Amino acid sequence: MKYNQLFQPYQLGENQLENRFVMAPMTRSRSTQPGDIPGTVKG
């Protein structure tokens, strides 16, 4: 497999990842104004 390394464990600082797929936090979609302060979704 060409991308086999993506599925291997990886040490990232103090964190041991099961693979190399990571996702950025998605808090901006739940932020309030002004100031883009992360909060909870109300609904």
N, C-alpha and C. Protein backbone atom coordinates (compact mmCIF):
# COMPACT_ATOMS: atom_id res chain seq x y z
N MET A 1 0.85 -1.18 0.00
CA MET A 1 0.00 0.00 0.00
C MET A 1 0.90 1.24 0.00
N LYS A 2 0.59 2.18 -0.84
CA LYS A 2 1.41 3.39 -0.99
C LYS A 2 1.43 4.26 0.27
N TYR A 3 0.32 4.34 0.97
CA TYR A 3 0.20 5.21 2.14
C TYR A 3 0.14 4.43 3.45
N ASN A 4 0.76 3.30 3.50
CA ASN A 4 0.71 2.43 4.68
C ASN A 4 1.20 3.14 5.94
N GLN A 5 2.14 4.06 5.82
CA GLN A 5 2.69 4.76 6.98
C GLN A 5 1.62 5.61 7.70
N LEU A 6 0.58 6.03 6.99
CA LEU A 6 -0.49 6.81 7.60
C LEU A 6 -1.22 6.04 8.69
N PHE A 7 -1.22 4.71 8.60
CA PHE A 7 -1.96 3.88 9.52
C PHE A 7 -1.12 3.33 10.66
N GLN A 8 0.14 3.75 10.74
CA GLN A 8 1.05 3.28 11.78
C GLN A 8 0.96 4.18 13.01
N PRO A 9 1.21 3.66 14.21
CA PRO A 9 1.23 4.50 15.42
C PRO A 9 2.29 5.59 15.30
N TYR A 10 2.05 6.71 15.99
CA TYR A 10 2.95 7.86 15.89
C TYR A 10 3.01 8.57 17.24
N GLN A 11 4.21 8.92 17.69
CA GLN A 11 4.40 9.67 18.93
C GLN A 11 4.42 11.15 18.61
N LEU A 12 3.45 11.91 19.10
CA LEU A 12 3.35 13.35 18.87
C LEU A 12 3.46 14.05 20.21
N GLY A 13 4.67 14.47 20.54
CA GLY A 13 4.91 15.05 21.86
C GLY A 13 4.65 14.01 22.93
N GLU A 14 3.76 14.31 23.86
CA GLU A 14 3.40 13.37 24.93
C GLU A 14 2.27 12.42 24.52
N ASN A 15 1.72 12.62 23.33
CA ASN A 15 0.56 11.84 22.88
C ASN A 15 0.98 10.70 21.95
N GLN A 16 0.48 9.52 22.22
CA GLN A 16 0.69 8.38 21.34
C GLN A 16 -0.56 8.23 20.48
N LEU A 17 -0.42 8.47 19.17
CA LEU A 17 -1.54 8.38 18.25
C LEU A 17 -1.62 6.98 17.66
N GLU A 18 -2.83 6.49 17.44
CA GLU A 18 -3.02 5.18 16.83
C GLU A 18 -2.67 5.20 15.35
N ASN A 19 -2.82 6.38 14.72
CA ASN A 19 -2.47 6.56 13.31
C ASN A 19 -2.12 8.03 13.12
N ARG A 20 -1.89 8.44 11.89
CA ARG A 20 -1.46 9.82 11.62
C ARG A 20 -2.59 10.71 11.12
N PHE A 21 -3.82 10.30 11.33
CA PHE A 21 -4.96 11.12 10.95
C PHE A 21 -5.33 11.99 12.15
N VAL A 22 -5.22 13.29 12.01
CA VAL A 22 -5.58 14.22 13.08
C VAL A 22 -6.53 15.27 12.50
N MET A 23 -7.32 15.87 13.39
CA MET A 23 -8.29 16.88 12.97
C MET A 23 -8.21 18.06 13.91
N ALA A 24 -8.22 19.24 13.36
CA ALA A 24 -8.16 20.45 14.16
C ALA A 24 -9.44 20.62 14.97
N PRO A 25 -9.37 21.28 16.14
CA PRO A 25 -10.58 21.54 16.92
C PRO A 25 -11.58 22.36 16.11
N MET A 26 -12.83 22.06 16.29
CA MET A 26 -13.87 22.75 15.53
C MET A 26 -14.70 23.64 16.45
N THR A 27 -14.05 24.45 17.27
CA THR A 27 -14.77 25.27 18.24
C THR A 27 -15.31 26.55 17.65
N ARG A 28 -14.76 27.03 16.53
CA ARG A 28 -15.25 28.28 15.97
C ARG A 28 -16.70 28.18 15.55
N SER A 29 -17.14 27.00 15.16
CA SER A 29 -18.53 26.85 14.75
C SER A 29 -19.48 26.97 15.94
N ARG A 30 -18.96 26.87 17.16
CA ARG A 30 -19.79 26.99 18.35
C ARG A 30 -19.42 28.23 19.17
N SER A 31 -18.79 29.20 18.52
CA SER A 31 -18.34 30.39 19.26
C SER A 31 -19.44 31.45 19.30
N THR A 32 -19.30 32.32 20.28
CA THR A 32 -20.24 33.43 20.42
C THR A 32 -19.51 34.74 20.17
N GLN A 33 -20.26 35.75 19.81
CA GLN A 33 -19.69 37.05 19.51
C GLN A 33 -20.00 38.00 20.65
N PRO A 34 -19.19 38.99 20.90
CA PRO A 34 -17.92 39.26 20.22
C PRO A 34 -16.79 38.41 20.79
N GLY A 35 -15.76 38.23 20.01
CA GLY A 35 -14.54 37.61 20.48
C GLY A 35 -14.36 36.15 20.14
N ASP A 36 -15.31 35.53 19.43
CA ASP A 36 -15.17 34.11 19.06
C ASP A 36 -14.88 33.24 20.27
N ILE A 37 -15.66 33.35 21.33
CA ILE A 37 -15.45 32.60 22.56
C ILE A 37 -16.18 31.26 22.45
N PRO A 38 -15.45 30.14 22.56
CA PRO A 38 -16.10 28.83 22.47
C PRO A 38 -17.11 28.65 23.60
N GLY A 39 -18.23 28.06 23.28
CA GLY A 39 -19.27 27.80 24.26
C GLY A 39 -20.01 26.53 23.90
N THR A 40 -21.21 26.40 24.38
CA THR A 40 -22.02 25.22 24.07
C THR A 40 -23.12 25.61 23.10
N VAL A 41 -23.58 24.64 22.35
CA VAL A 41 -24.66 24.86 21.41
C VAL A 41 -25.97 24.89 22.18
N LYS A 42 -26.75 25.93 21.97
CA LYS A 42 -28.05 26.06 22.64
C LYS A 42 -29.13 25.84 21.61
N GLY A 43 -30.09 25.01 21.94
CA GLY A 43 -31.12 24.79 20.94
C GLY A 43 -32.24 23.95 21.38
